[in-house]
Amino acid sequence: MNFLSPIPILRIFSIEKAYEFYLDYLGFTLDWEHRFEAASPLYAQVHRSSAIFHLSEHYGDGTPGSVAFVPVDDIDSFHRELHAKQYSYARPGIEALDWGRQVQINDPFGNRLRFCELSKP
């Protein structure tokens, strides 16, 4: 039996703000959207490279303030890319930690995303 990578479900409250943040700012791609009916809450998947997030407007899916840890292989390039976009609501820095270098960003709904280049042993 093999376990595959988990997919965090992040609670969102505005599709427009979610897409502005995840697609326009972070550079993720929208894979699909699902609604049970036209007026139902959105459930969507976004990805960038092999990082996948599910974004959900459904009550009970995820908790605002959740944390997702995303390993990256070039934190400096990612940091430069983010700063070049001039996003009004976030200007994250790079933190040096015992386990690597990290860019932490809060999404518009209070979820924290930790993009980390892990230290080599």
PDB file of N, CA and C in Angstrom:
ATOM      1  N   MET A   1       0.842  -1.172   0.000  1.00  0.00           N
ATOM      2  CA  MET A   1       0.000   0.000   0.000  1.00  0.00           C
ATOM      3  C   MET A   1       0.885   1.231   0.000  1.00  0.00           C
ATOM      4  N   ASN A   2       0.569   2.192  -0.860  1.00  0.00           N
ATOM      5  CA  ASN A   2       1.302   3.456  -0.933  1.00  0.00           C
ATOM      6  C   ASN A   2       0.412   4.599  -0.502  1.00  0.00           C
ATOM      7  N   PHE A   3       0.992   5.528   0.250  1.00  0.00           N
ATOM      8  CA  PHE A   3       0.310   6.768   0.564  1.00  0.00           C
ATOM      9  C   PHE A   3       0.791   7.812  -0.433  1.00  0.00           C
ATOM     10  N   LEU A   4      -0.104   8.622  -0.927  1.00  0.00           N
ATOM     11  CA  LEU A   4       0.246   9.698  -1.842  1.00  0.00           C
ATOM     12  C   LEU A   4       0.261  11.017  -1.077  1.00  0.00           C
ATOM     13  N   SER A   5       0.702  12.068  -1.721  1.00  0.00           N
ATOM     14  CA  SER A   5       0.776  13.373  -1.061  1.00  0.00           C
ATOM     15  C   SER A   5      -0.617  13.847  -0.662  1.00  0.00           C
ATOM     16  N   PRO A   6      -0.754  14.369   0.556  1.00  0.00           N
ATOM     17  CA  PRO A   6      -2.053  14.903   0.962  1.00  0.00           C
ATOM     18  C   PRO A   6      -2.369  16.186   0.200  1.00  0.00           C
ATOM     19  N   ILE A   7      -3.647  16.497   0.106  1.00  0.00           N
ATOM     20  CA  ILE A   7      -4.095  17.724  -0.539  1.00  0.00           C
ATOM     21  C   ILE A   7      -4.838  18.546   0.503  1.00  0.00           C
ATOM     22  N   PRO A   8      -4.264  19.671   0.939  1.00  0.00           N
ATOM     23  CA  PRO A   8      -4.956  20.507   1.921  1.00  0.00           C
ATOM     24  C   PRO A   8      -6.246  21.092   1.338  1.00  0.00           C
ATOM     25  N   ILE A   9      -7.293  21.119   2.165  1.00  0.00           N
ATOM     26  CA  ILE A   9      -8.542  21.796   1.813  1.00  0.00           C
ATOM     27  C   ILE A   9      -8.554  23.097   2.594  1.00  0.00           C
ATOM     28  N   LEU A  10      -8.538  24.215   1.866  1.00  0.00           N
ATOM     29  CA  LEU A  10      -8.479  25.530   2.486  1.00  0.00           C
ATOM     30  C   LEU A  10      -9.825  26.227   2.330  1.00  0.00           C
ATOM     31  N   ARG A  11     -10.338  26.718   3.430  1.00  0.00           N
ATOM     32  CA  ARG A  11     -11.642  27.401   3.435  1.00  0.00           C
ATOM     33  C   ARG A  11     -11.485  28.780   2.829  1.00  0.00           C
ATOM     34  N   ILE A  12     -12.405  29.132   1.924  1.00  0.00           N
ATOM     35  CA  ILE A  12     -12.418  30.459   1.311  1.00  0.00           C
ATOM     36  C   ILE A  12     -13.811  31.058   1.477  1.00  0.00           C
ATOM     37  N   PHE A  13     -13.902  32.384   1.371  1.00  0.00           N
ATOM     38  CA  PHE A  13     -15.179  33.071   1.525  1.00  0.00           C
ATOM     39  C   PHE A  13     -15.507  33.966   0.337  1.00  0.00           C
ATOM     40  N   SER A  14     -14.593  34.090  -0.614  1.00  0.00           N
ATOM     41  CA  SER A  14     -14.807  34.909  -1.800  1.00  0.00           C
ATOM     42  C   SER A  14     -14.024  34.286  -2.948  1.00  0.00           C
ATOM     43  N   ILE A  15     -14.731  33.894  -3.977  1.00  0.00           N
ATOM     44  CA  ILE A  15     -14.065  33.296  -5.140  1.00  0.00           C
ATOM     45  C   ILE A  15     -13.124  34.302  -5.780  1.00  0.00           C
ATOM     46  N   GLU A  16     -13.581  35.547  -5.907  1.00  0.00           N
ATOM     47  CA  GLU A  16     -12.770  36.579  -6.557  1.00  0.00           C
ATOM     48  C   GLU A  16     -11.463  36.805  -5.813  1.00  0.00           C
ATOM     49  N   LYS A  17     -11.534  36.950  -4.483  1.00  0.00           N
ATOM     50  CA  LYS A  17     -10.316  37.164  -3.698  1.00  0.00           C
ATOM     51  C   LYS A  17      -9.420  35.928  -3.722  1.00  0.00           C
ATOM     52  N   ALA A  18     -10.031  34.747  -3.691  1.00  0.00           N
ATOM     53  CA  ALA A  18      -9.251  33.505  -3.738  1.00  0.00           C
ATOM     54  C   ALA A  18      -8.483  33.402  -5.047  1.00  0.00           C
ATOM     55  N   TYR A  19      -9.148  33.676  -6.153  1.00  0.00           N
ATOM     56  CA  TYR A  19      -8.491  33.563  -7.448  1.00  0.00           C
ATOM     57  C   TYR A  19      -7.449  34.661  -7.645  1.00  0.00           C
ATOM     58  N   GLU A  20      -7.727  35.857  -7.142  1.00  0.00           N
ATOM     59  CA  GLU A  20      -6.721  36.926  -7.216  1.00  0.00           C
ATOM     60  C   GLU A  20      -5.448  36.500  -6.464  1.00  0.00           C
ATOM     61  N   PHE A  21      -5.624  35.890  -5.308  1.00  0.00           N
ATOM     62  CA  PHE A  21      -4.485  35.484  -4.489  1.00  0.00           C
ATOM     63  C   PHE A  21      -3.785  34.245  -5.046  1.00  0.00           C
ATOM     64  N   TYR A  22      -4.527  33.156  -5.223  1.00  0.00           N
ATOM     65  CA  TYR A  22      -3.910  31.884  -5.603  1.00  0.00           C
ATOM     66  C   TYR A  22      -3.460  31.843  -7.066  1.00  0.00           C
ATOM     67  N   LEU A  23      -4.265  32.407  -7.960  1.00  0.00           N
ATOM     68  CA  LEU A  23      -3.925  32.344  -9.383  1.00  0.00           C
ATOM     69  C   LEU A  23      -3.035  33.514  -9.800  1.00  0.00           C
ATOM     70  N   ASP A  24      -3.494  34.730  -9.553  1.00  0.00           N
ATOM     71  CA  ASP A  24      -2.757  35.907 -10.023  1.00  0.00           C
ATOM     72  C   ASP A  24      -1.474  36.151  -9.229  1.00  0.00           C
ATOM     73  N   TYR A  25      -1.558  36.071  -7.907  1.00  0.00           N
ATOM     74  CA  TYR A  25      -0.387  36.386  -7.080  1.00  0.00           C
ATOM     75  C   TYR A  25       0.572  35.202  -6.935  1.00  0.00           C
ATOM     76  N   LEU A  26       0.060  34.061  -6.504  1.00  0.00           N
ATOM     77  CA  LEU A  26       0.949  32.916  -6.259  1.00  0.00           C
ATOM     78  C   LEU A  26       1.298  32.144  -7.520  1.00  0.00           C
ATOM     79  N   GLY A  27       0.581  32.338  -8.603  1.00  0.00           N
ATOM     80  CA  GLY A  27       0.910  31.677  -9.863  1.00  0.00           C
ATOM     81  C   GLY A  27       0.396  30.263  -9.997  1.00  0.00           C
ATOM     82  N   PHE A  28      -0.622  29.896  -9.214  1.00  0.00           N
ATOM     83  CA  PHE A  28      -1.239  28.585  -9.351  1.00  0.00           C
ATOM     84  C   PHE A  28      -2.151  28.588 -10.570  1.00  0.00           C
ATOM     85  N   THR A  29      -2.511  27.406 -11.044  1.00  0.00           N
ATOM     86  CA  THR A  29      -3.403  27.225 -12.186  1.00  0.00           C
ATOM     87  C   THR A  29      -4.691  26.571 -11.699  1.00  0.00           C
ATOM     88  N   LEU A  30      -5.813  27.060 -12.184  1.00  0.00           N
ATOM     89  CA  LEU A  30      -7.101  26.458 -11.861  1.00  0.00           C
ATOM     90  C   LEU A  30      -7.253  25.163 -12.655  1.00  0.00           C
ATOM     91  N   ASP A  31      -7.494  24.052 -11.952  1.00  0.00           N
ATOM     92  CA  ASP A  31      -7.681  22.751 -12.601  1.00  0.00           C
ATOM     93  C   ASP A  31      -9.151  22.480 -12.889  1.00  0.00           C
ATOM     94  N   TRP A  32      -9.989  22.714 -11.894  1.00  0.00           N
ATOM     95  CA  TRP A  32     -11.420  22.478 -12.069  1.00  0.00           C
ATOM     96  C   TRP A  32     -12.204  23.174 -10.960  1.00  0.00           C
ATOM     97  N   GLU A  33     -13.492  23.358 -11.243  1.00  0.00           N
ATOM     98  CA  GLU A  33     -14.447  23.885 -10.266  1.00  0.00           C
ATOM     99  C   GLU A  33     -15.624  22.917 -10.182  1.00  0.00           C
ATOM    100  N   HIS A  34     -16.233  22.824  -9.007  1.00  0.00           N
ATOM    101  CA  HIS A  34     -17.416  21.970  -8.843  1.00  0.00           C
ATOM    102  C   HIS A  34     -18.438  22.682  -7.961  1.00  0.00           C
ATOM    103  N   ARG A  35     -19.691  22.579  -8.366  1.00  0.00           N
ATOM    104  CA  ARG A  35     -20.840  23.012  -7.574  1.00  0.00           C
ATOM    105  C   ARG A  35     -21.922  21.952  -7.766  1.00  0.00           C
ATOM    106  N   PHE A  36     -22.639  21.636  -6.693  1.00  0.00           N
ATOM    107  CA  PHE A  36     -23.735  20.687  -6.824  1.00  0.00           C
ATOM    108  C   PHE A  36     -24.890  21.288  -7.619  1.00  0.00           C
ATOM    109  N   GLU A  37     -25.096  22.601  -7.466  1.00  0.00           N
ATOM    110  CA  GLU A  37     -26.101  23.360  -8.216  1.00  0.00           C
ATOM    111  C   GLU A  37     -25.526  24.741  -8.457  1.00  0.00           C
ATOM    112  N   ALA A  38     -26.169  25.514  -9.323  1.00  0.00           N
ATOM    113  CA  ALA A  38     -25.655  26.843  -9.685  1.00  0.00           C
ATOM    114  C   ALA A  38     -25.444  27.745  -8.468  1.00  0.00           C
ATOM    115  N   ALA A  39     -26.315  27.671  -7.483  1.00  0.00           N
ATOM    116  CA  ALA A  39     -26.204  28.550  -6.310  1.00  0.00           C
ATOM    117  C   ALA A  39     -25.442  27.895  -5.154  1.00  0.00           C
ATOM    118  N   SER A  40     -24.892  26.717  -5.357  1.00  0.00           N
ATOM    119  CA  SER A  40     -24.157  26.009  -4.302  1.00  0.00           C
ATOM    120  C   SER A  40     -22.765  26.600  -4.109  1.00  0.00           C
ATOM    121  N   PRO A  41     -22.160  26.348  -2.946  1.00  0.00           N
ATOM    122  CA  PRO A  41     -20.795  26.805  -2.716  1.00  0.00           C
ATOM    123  C   PRO A  41     -19.806  26.167  -3.699  1.00  0.00           C
ATOM    124  N   LEU A  42     -18.742  26.885  -3.945  1.00  0.00           N
ATOM    125  CA  LEU A  42     -17.688  26.419  -4.863  1.00  0.00           C
ATOM    126  C   LEU A  42     -16.738  25.458  -4.156  1.00  0.00           C
ATOM    127  N   TYR A  43     -16.289  24.457  -4.892  1.00  0.00           N
ATOM    128  CA  TYR A  43     -15.189  23.591  -4.491  1.00  0.00           C
ATOM    129  C   TYR A  43     -14.283  23.520  -5.717  1.00  0.00           C
ATOM    130  N   ALA A  44     -13.008  23.890  -5.569  1.00  0.00           N
ATOM    131  CA  ALA A  44     -12.115  23.979  -6.723  1.00  0.00           C
ATOM    132  C   ALA A  44     -10.742  23.416  -6.387  1.00  0.00           C
ATOM    133  N   GLN A  45     -10.018  23.061  -7.434  1.00  0.00           N
ATOM    134  CA  GLN A  45      -8.632  22.619  -7.268  1.00  0.00           C
ATOM    135  C   GLN A  45      -7.712  23.542  -8.049  1.00  0.00           C
ATOM    136  N   VAL A  46      -6.607  23.926  -7.395  1.00  0.00           N
ATOM    137  CA  VAL A  46      -5.549  24.698  -8.040  1.00  0.00           C
ATOM    138  C   VAL A  46      -4.234  23.965  -7.833  1.00  0.00           C
ATOM    139  N   HIS A  47      -3.291  24.189  -8.753  1.00  0.00           N
ATOM    140  CA  HIS A  47      -1.978  23.557  -8.588  1.00  0.00           C
ATOM    141  C   HIS A  47      -0.886  24.469  -9.134  1.00  0.00           C
ATOM    142  N   ARG A  48       0.302  24.231  -8.643  1.00  0.00           N
ATOM    143  CA  ARG A  48       1.528  24.807  -9.200  1.00  0.00           C
ATOM    144  C   ARG A  48       2.597  23.745  -9.016  1.00  0.00           C
ATOM    145  N   SER A  49       3.201  23.331 -10.106  1.00  0.00           N
ATOM    146  CA  SER A  49       4.105  22.173 -10.092  1.00  0.00           C
ATOM    147  C   SER A  49       3.357  21.017  -9.449  1.00  0.00           C
ATOM    148  N   SER A  50       3.918  20.394  -8.428  1.00  0.00           N
ATOM    149  CA  SER A  50       3.222  19.267  -7.801  1.00  0.00           C
ATOM    150  C   SER A  50       2.466  19.668  -6.541  1.00  0.00           C
ATOM    151  N   ALA A  51       2.441  20.966  -6.207  1.00  0.00           N
ATOM    152  CA  ALA A  51       1.656  21.440  -5.060  1.00  0.00           C
ATOM    153  C   ALA A  51       0.203  21.605  -5.490  1.00  0.00           C
ATOM    154  N   ILE A  52      -0.709  20.988  -4.736  1.00  0.00           N
ATOM    155  CA  ILE A  52      -2.137  21.034  -5.034  1.00  0.00           C
ATOM    156  C   ILE A  52      -2.882  21.512  -3.798  1.00  0.00           C
ATOM    157  N   PHE A  53      -3.833  22.415  -3.999  1.00  0.00           N
ATOM    158  CA  PHE A  53      -4.745  22.861  -2.946  1.00  0.00           C
ATOM    159  C   PHE A  53      -6.169  22.692  -3.437  1.00  0.00           C
ATOM    160  N   HIS A  54      -7.049  22.314  -2.517  1.00  0.00           N
ATOM    161  CA  HIS A  54      -8.476  22.388  -2.762  1.00  0.00           C
ATOM    162  C   HIS A  54      -8.977  23.623  -2.025  1.00  0.00           C
ATOM    163  N   LEU A  55      -9.761  24.441  -2.708  1.00  0.00           N
ATOM    164  CA  LEU A  55     -10.350  25.648  -2.143  1.00  0.00           C
ATOM    165  C   LEU A  55     -11.845  25.406  -2.008  1.00  0.00           C
ATOM    166  N   SER A  56     -12.385  25.674  -0.821  1.00  0.00           N
ATOM    167  CA  SER A  56     -13.785  25.326  -0.582  1.00  0.00           C
ATOM    168  C   SER A  56     -14.544  26.442   0.116  1.00  0.00           C
ATOM    169  N   GLU A  57     -15.726  26.735  -0.422  1.00  0.00           N
ATOM    170  CA  GLU A  57     -16.666  27.635   0.240  1.00  0.00           C
ATOM    171  C   GLU A  57     -17.620  26.863   1.156  1.00  0.00           C
ATOM    172  N   HIS A  58     -17.536  25.552   1.180  1.00  0.00           N
ATOM    173  CA  HIS A  58     -18.454  24.732   1.958  1.00  0.00           C
ATOM    174  C   HIS A  58     -18.206  24.882   3.452  1.00  0.00           C
ATOM    175  N   TYR A  59     -19.265  25.122   4.196  1.00  0.00           N
ATOM    176  CA  TYR A  59     -19.199  25.170   5.644  1.00  0.00           C
ATOM    177  C   TYR A  59     -18.687  23.822   6.155  1.00  0.00           C
ATOM    178  N   GLY A  60     -17.709  23.839   7.012  1.00  0.00           N
ATOM    179  CA  GLY A  60     -17.169  22.608   7.569  1.00  0.00           C
ATOM    180  C   GLY A  60     -15.977  22.048   6.817  1.00  0.00           C
ATOM    181  N   ASP A  61     -15.693  22.559   5.630  1.00  0.00           N
ATOM    182  CA  ASP A  61     -14.498  22.134   4.889  1.00  0.00           C
ATOM    183  C   ASP A  61     -13.343  23.051   5.285  1.00  0.00           C
ATOM    184  N   GLY A  62     -12.433  22.528   6.020  1.00  0.00           N
ATOM    185  CA  GLY A  62     -11.301  23.325   6.453  1.00  0.00           C
ATOM    186  C   GLY A  62     -11.718  24.329   7.515  1.00  0.00           C
ATOM    187  N   THR A  63     -10.731  24.908   8.147  1.00  0.00           N
ATOM    188  CA  THR A  63     -10.945  25.897   9.194  1.00  0.00           C
ATOM    189  C   THR A  63     -10.101  27.114   8.872  1.00  0.00           C
ATOM    190  N   PRO A  64     -10.694  28.297   8.841  1.00  0.00           N
ATOM    191  CA  PRO A  64      -9.859  29.489   8.626  1.00  0.00           C
ATOM    192  C   PRO A  64      -8.723  29.510   9.642  1.00  0.00           C
ATOM    193  N   GLY A  65      -7.534  29.835   9.197  1.00  0.00           N
ATOM    194  CA  GLY A  65      -6.364  29.820  10.065  1.00  0.00           C
ATOM    195  C   GLY A  65      -5.562  28.542   9.955  1.00  0.00           C
ATOM    196  N   SER A  66      -5.913  27.671   9.028  1.00  0.00           N
ATOM    197  CA  SER A  66      -5.134  26.449   8.818  1.00  0.00           C
ATOM    198  C   SER A  66      -3.765  26.796   8.245  1.00  0.00           C
ATOM    199  N   VAL A  67      -2.841  25.852   8.344  1.00  0.00           N
ATOM    200  CA  VAL A  67      -1.482  26.039   7.840  1.00  0.00           C
ATOM    201  C   VAL A  67      -1.178  24.938   6.839  1.00  0.00           C
ATOM    202  N   ALA A  68      -0.589  25.322   5.704  1.00  0.00           N
ATOM    203  CA  ALA A  68      -0.114  24.353   4.712  1.00  0.00           C
ATOM    204  C   ALA A  68       1.380  24.581   4.525  1.00  0.00           C
ATOM    205  N   PHE A  69       2.162  23.527   4.596  1.00  0.00           N
ATOM    206  CA  PHE A  69       3.615  23.580   4.433  1.00  0.00           C
ATOM    207  C   PHE A  69       3.944  23.043   3.047  1.00  0.00           C
ATOM    208  N   VAL A  70       4.602  23.874   2.227  1.00  0.00           N
ATOM    209  CA  VAL A  70       4.894  23.505   0.842  1.00  0.00           C
ATOM    210  C   VAL A  70       6.402  23.572   0.606  1.00  0.00           C
ATOM    211  N   PRO A  71       7.076  22.434   0.467  1.00  0.00           N
ATOM    212  CA  PRO A  71       8.502  22.470   0.143  1.00  0.00           C
ATOM    213  C   PRO A  71       8.730  23.022  -1.267  1.00  0.00           C
ATOM    214  N   VAL A  72       9.738  23.865  -1.412  1.00  0.00           N
ATOM    215  CA  VAL A  72      10.127  24.408  -2.721  1.00  0.00           C
ATOM    216  C   VAL A  72      11.625  24.224  -2.889  1.00  0.00           C
ATOM    217  N   ASP A  73      12.094  24.252  -4.140  1.00  0.00           N
ATOM    218  CA  ASP A  73      13.520  24.022  -4.363  1.00  0.00           C
ATOM    219  C   ASP A  73      14.316  25.300  -4.638  1.00  0.00           C
ATOM    220  N   ASP A  74      13.642  26.453  -4.752  1.00  0.00           N
ATOM    221  CA  ASP A  74      14.363  27.710  -4.986  1.00  0.00           C
ATOM    222  C   ASP A  74      13.566  28.854  -4.384  1.00  0.00           C
ATOM    223  N   ILE A  75      13.697  29.039  -3.090  1.00  0.00           N
ATOM    224  CA  ILE A  75      12.919  30.043  -2.373  1.00  0.00           C
ATOM    225  C   ILE A  75      13.262  31.464  -2.828  1.00  0.00           C
ATOM    226  N   ASP A  76      14.513  31.700  -3.237  1.00  0.00           N
ATOM    227  CA  ASP A  76      14.900  33.043  -3.684  1.00  0.00           C
ATOM    228  C   ASP A  76      14.155  33.438  -4.955  1.00  0.00           C
ATOM    229  N   SER A  77      14.043  32.539  -5.914  1.00  0.00           N
ATOM    230  CA  SER A  77      13.302  32.832  -7.148  1.00  0.00           C
ATOM    231  C   SER A  77      11.826  33.069  -6.861  1.00  0.00           C
ATOM    232  N   PHE A  78      11.245  32.249  -6.015  1.00  0.00           N
ATOM    233  CA  PHE A  78       9.845  32.406  -5.648  1.00  0.00           C
ATOM    234  C   PHE A  78       9.623  33.758  -4.971  1.00  0.00           C
ATOM    235  N   HIS A  79      10.508  34.114  -4.064  1.00  0.00           N
ATOM    236  CA  HIS A  79      10.409  35.399  -3.355  1.00  0.00           C
ATOM    237  C   HIS A  79      10.499  36.571  -4.331  1.00  0.00           C
ATOM    238  N   ARG A  80      11.449  36.527  -5.264  1.00  0.00           N
ATOM    239  CA  ARG A  80      11.573  37.596  -6.271  1.00  0.00           C
ATOM    240  C   ARG A  80      10.314  37.698  -7.131  1.00  0.00           C
ATOM    241  N   GLU A  81       9.783  36.546  -7.517  1.00  0.00           N
ATOM    242  CA  GLU A  81       8.566  36.518  -8.330  1.00  0.00           C
ATOM    243  C   GLU A  81       7.402  37.200  -7.608  1.00  0.00           C
ATOM    244  N   LEU A  82       7.231  36.878  -6.330  1.00  0.00           N
ATOM    245  CA  LEU A  82       6.141  37.485  -5.558  1.00  0.00           C
ATOM    246  C   LEU A  82       6.315  38.996  -5.442  1.00  0.00           C
ATOM    247  N   HIS A  83       7.522  39.433  -5.128  1.00  0.00           N
ATOM    248  CA  HIS A  83       7.761  40.872  -4.957  1.00  0.00           C
ATOM    249  C   HIS A  83       7.601  41.638  -6.268  1.00  0.00           C
ATOM    250  N   ALA A  84       7.871  41.026  -7.375  1.00  0.00           N
ATOM    251  CA  ALA A  84       7.721  41.693  -8.671  1.00  0.00           C
ATOM    252  C   ALA A  84       6.254  41.951  -9.015  1.00  0.00           C
ATOM    253  N   LYS A  85       5.346  41.215  -8.408  1.00  0.00           N
ATOM    254  CA  LYS A  85       3.921  41.360  -8.721  1.00  0.00           C
ATOM    255  C   LYS A  85       3.264  42.540  -8.019  1.00  0.00           C
ATOM    256  N   GLN A  86       3.899  43.125  -7.023  1.00  0.00           N
ATOM    257  CA  GLN A  86       3.362  44.293  -6.321  1.00  0.00           C
ATOM    258  C   GLN A  86       1.942  44.051  -5.792  1.00  0.00           C
ATOM    259  N   TYR A  87       1.713  42.883  -5.203  1.00  0.00           N
ATOM    260  CA  TYR A  87       0.422  42.558  -4.593  1.00  0.00           C
ATOM    261  C   TYR A  87       0.208  43.467  -3.391  1.00  0.00           C
ATOM    262  N   SER A  88      -0.919  44.138  -3.323  1.00  0.00           N
ATOM    263  CA  SER A  88      -1.163  45.147  -2.288  1.00  0.00           C
ATOM    264  C   SER A  88      -1.272  44.594  -0.876  1.00  0.00           C
ATOM    265  N   TYR A  89      -1.622  43.322  -0.726  1.00  0.00           N
ATOM    266  CA  TYR A  89      -1.953  42.794   0.589  1.00  0.00           C
ATOM    267  C   TYR A  89      -0.882  41.917   1.225  1.00  0.00           C
ATOM    268  N   ALA A  90       0.249  41.748   0.565  1.00  0.00           N
ATOM    269  CA  ALA A  90       1.316  40.919   1.151  1.00  0.00           C
ATOM    270  C   ALA A  90       2.660  41.294   0.536  1.00  0.00           C
ATOM    271  N   ARG A  91       3.662  41.430   1.388  1.00  0.00           N
ATOM    272  CA  ARG A  91       5.048  41.648   0.968  1.00  0.00           C
ATOM    273  C   ARG A  91       5.931  40.776   1.861  1.00  0.00           C
ATOM    274  N   PRO A  92       5.834  39.454   1.716  1.00  0.00           N
ATOM    275  CA  PRO A  92       6.547  38.560   2.640  1.00  0.00           C
ATOM    276  C   PRO A  92       8.055  38.606   2.444  1.00  0.00           C
ATOM    277  N   GLY A  93       8.744  38.327   3.524  1.00  0.00           N
ATOM    278  CA  GLY A  93      10.191  38.201   3.492  1.00  0.00           C
ATOM    279  C   GLY A  93      10.583  36.734   3.558  1.00  0.00           C
ATOM    280  N   ILE A  94      11.878  36.503   3.595  1.00  0.00           N
ATOM    281  CA  ILE A  94      12.400  35.145   3.758  1.00  0.00           C
ATOM    282  C   ILE A  94      12.907  35.006   5.180  1.00  0.00           C
ATOM    283  N   GLU A  95      12.427  33.980   5.878  1.00  0.00           N
ATOM    284  CA  GLU A  95      12.868  33.690   7.238  1.00  0.00           C
ATOM    285  C   GLU A  95      13.901  32.574   7.207  1.00  0.00           C
ATOM    286  N   ALA A  96      14.973  32.732   7.966  1.00  0.00           N
ATOM    287  CA  ALA A  96      15.950  31.654   8.141  1.00  0.00           C
ATOM    288  C   ALA A  96      15.559  30.878   9.393  1.00  0.00           C
ATOM    289  N   LEU A  97      15.304  29.583   9.222  1.00  0.00           N
ATOM    290  CA  LEU A  97      14.884  28.715  10.321  1.00  0.00           C
ATOM    291  C   LEU A  97      15.866  27.558  10.443  1.00  0.00           C
ATOM    292  N   ASP A  98      15.771  26.815  11.509  1.00  0.00           N
ATOM    293  CA  ASP A  98      16.687  25.690  11.713  1.00  0.00           C
ATOM    294  C   ASP A  98      16.587  24.658  10.596  1.00  0.00           C
ATOM    295  N   TRP A  99      15.397  24.485  10.010  1.00  0.00           N
ATOM    296  CA  TRP A  99      15.172  23.448   9.001  1.00  0.00           C
ATOM    297  C   TRP A  99      15.225  23.963   7.565  1.00  0.00           C
ATOM    298  N   GLY A 100      15.384  25.294   7.386  1.00  0.00           N
ATOM    299  CA  GLY A 100      15.477  25.827   6.030  1.00  0.00           C
ATOM    300  C   GLY A 100      15.127  27.300   5.970  1.00  0.00           C
ATOM    301  N   ARG A 101      14.884  27.783   4.766  1.00  0.00           N
ATOM    302  CA  ARG A 101      14.505  29.177   4.530  1.00  0.00           C
ATOM    303  C   ARG A 101      13.073  29.190   4.026  1.00  0.00           C
ATOM    304  N   GLN A 102      12.271  30.094   4.580  1.00  0.00           N
ATOM    305  CA  GLN A 102      10.833  30.015   4.385  1.00  0.00           C
ATOM    306  C   GLN A 102      10.224  31.381   4.064  1.00  0.00           C
ATOM    307  N   VAL A 103       9.246  31.366   3.173  1.00  0.00           N
ATOM    308  CA  VAL A 103       8.383  32.514   2.906  1.00  0.00           C
ATOM    309  C   VAL A 103       7.001  32.121   3.411  1.00  0.00           C
ATOM    310  N   GLN A 104       6.499  32.873   4.388  1.00  0.00           N
ATOM    311  CA  GLN A 104       5.166  32.596   4.927  1.00  0.00           C
ATOM    312  C   GLN A 104       4.212  33.701   4.482  1.00  0.00           C
ATOM    313  N   ILE A 105       3.057  33.297   3.967  1.00  0.00           N
ATOM    314  CA  ILE A 105       2.068  34.236   3.445  1.00  0.00           C
ATOM    315  C   ILE A 105       0.696  33.840   3.979  1.00  0.00           C
ATOM    316  N   ASN A 106      -0.053  34.813   4.446  1.00  0.00           N
ATOM    317  CA  ASN A 106      -1.445  34.570   4.825  1.00  0.00           C
ATOM    318  C   ASN A 106      -2.332  34.859   3.624  1.00  0.00           C
ATOM    319  N   ASP A 107      -3.264  33.945   3.351  1.00  0.00           N
ATOM    320  CA  ASP A 107      -4.216  34.214   2.276  1.00  0.00           C
ATOM    321  C   ASP A 107      -5.297  35.166   2.806  1.00  0.00           C
ATOM    322  N   PRO A 108      -6.197  35.639   1.967  1.00  0.00           N
ATOM    323  CA  PRO A 108      -7.211  36.594   2.415  1.00  0.00           C
ATOM    324  C   PRO A 108      -8.196  36.041   3.447  1.00  0.00           C
ATOM    325  N   PHE A 109      -8.122  34.748   3.749  1.00  0.00           N
ATOM    326  CA  PHE A 109      -9.078  34.110   4.644  1.00  0.00           C
ATOM    327  C   PHE A 109      -8.432  33.642   5.947  1.00  0.00           C
ATOM    328  N   GLY A 110      -7.177  34.034   6.168  1.00  0.00           N
ATOM    329  CA  GLY A 110      -6.484  33.695   7.406  1.00  0.00           C
ATOM    330  C   GLY A 110      -5.695  32.405   7.361  1.00  0.00           C
ATOM    331  N   ASN A 111      -5.687  31.702   6.243  1.00  0.00           N
ATOM    332  CA  ASN A 111      -4.872  30.490   6.127  1.00  0.00           C
ATOM    333  C   ASN A 111      -3.424  30.892   5.909  1.00  0.00           C
ATOM    334  N   ARG A 112      -2.507  30.171   6.540  1.00  0.00           N
ATOM    335  CA  ARG A 112      -1.078  30.454   6.388  1.00  0.00           C
ATOM    336  C   ARG A 112      -0.437  29.425   5.475  1.00  0.00           C
ATOM    337  N   LEU A 113       0.296  29.929   4.503  1.00  0.00           N
ATOM    338  CA  LEU A 113       1.015  29.070   3.568  1.00  0.00           C
ATOM    339  C   LEU A 113       2.497  29.254   3.830  1.00  0.00           C
ATOM    340  N   ARG A 114       3.169  28.164   4.115  1.00  0.00           N
ATOM    341  CA  ARG A 114       4.616  28.213   4.386  1.00  0.00           C
ATOM    342  C   ARG A 114       5.342  27.517   3.249  1.00  0.00           C
ATOM    343  N   PHE A 115       5.992  28.319   2.405  1.00  0.00           N
ATOM    344  CA  PHE A 115       6.803  27.809   1.304  1.00  0.00           C
ATOM    345  C   PHE A 115       8.228  27.746   1.823  1.00  0.00           C
ATOM    346  N   CYS A 116       8.823  26.550   1.827  1.00  0.00           N
ATOM    347  CA  CYS A 116      10.112  26.369   2.495  1.00  0.00           C
ATOM    348  C   CYS A 116      11.101  25.604   1.626  1.00  0.00           C
ATOM    349  N   GLU A 117      12.285  26.159   1.519  1.00  0.00           N
ATOM    350  CA  GLU A 117      13.419  25.443   0.928  1.00  0.00           C
ATOM    351  C   GLU A 117      14.139  24.778   2.093  1.00  0.00           C
ATOM    352  N   LEU A 118      14.028  23.480   2.181  1.00  0.00           N
ATOM    353  CA  LEU A 118      14.593  22.738   3.307  1.00  0.00           C
ATOM    354  C   LEU A 118      16.123  22.729   3.262  1.00  0.00           C
ATOM    355  N   SER A 119      16.730  22.781   4.449  1.00  0.00           N
ATOM    356  CA  SER A 119      18.190  22.699   4.533  1.00  0.00           C
ATOM    357  C   SER A 119      18.646  21.323   4.108  1.00  0.00           C
ATOM    358  N   LYS A 120      19.796  21.275   3.504  1.00  0.00           N
ATOM    359  CA  LYS A 120      20.365  19.983   3.134  1.00  0.00           C
ATOM    360  C   LYS A 120      21.086  19.404   4.340  1.00  0.00           C
ATOM    361  N   PRO A 121      20.912  18.111   4.577  1.00  0.00           N
ATOM    362  CA  PRO A 121      21.539  17.467   5.755  1.00  0.00           C
ATOM    363  C   PRO A 121      23.052  17.443   5.667  1.00  0.00           C
TER     364      PRO A 121
END
